[in-house]
Amino acid sequence: YYTVSAIDCYVCTSINGGNQDCEDRFTSSMATVKMIQRECNYGLFRASHCTKLKGKREDGSTIVVRNCAKTDWGRHCGAIWYVKDESKDPERLYGCLVSCDTDGCNTASRHPVARILMAFALLIALVVAVS
């Protein structure tokens, strides 16, 4: 007899910035903490992954969706077929989809370029300070 607990994920949707708490300036503020879905389920199944989809719809509007998934969806950027409702046709988006497998992992995107620039600025500051 085994018990399996589901993952905890952020669950929210923002279209054209309509839900600022869901957008990518995502922090662990009280507003975003309320978006954590404890023991995420995907249909009848316990979720094992969190997902984040960020893209542009064909009508030009932007969309951010954070949710749960029962499997690893991997990482993909480019054209993505998004199904919001099983009774409707899929919608084509252009953007990125990422899945992850730790509690609350579907937060804001990492910005490696900003980190590199920050490290470079610190290095220059150290060189100037030592000189």
Foldseek 3Di string as FASTA:
>chain_A
DDDDFAAKEFFDKDKQCNPVCQDQVHDCDPVRVVRIDGQADDVPHGFQKKKWWWFAFPVGITMIGIGTHNDFPAKDFAWDFDDPDPVDGTTITGGMMGMDGHHHPRHHDDDVVVVVVVVVVVVVVVVVVVD
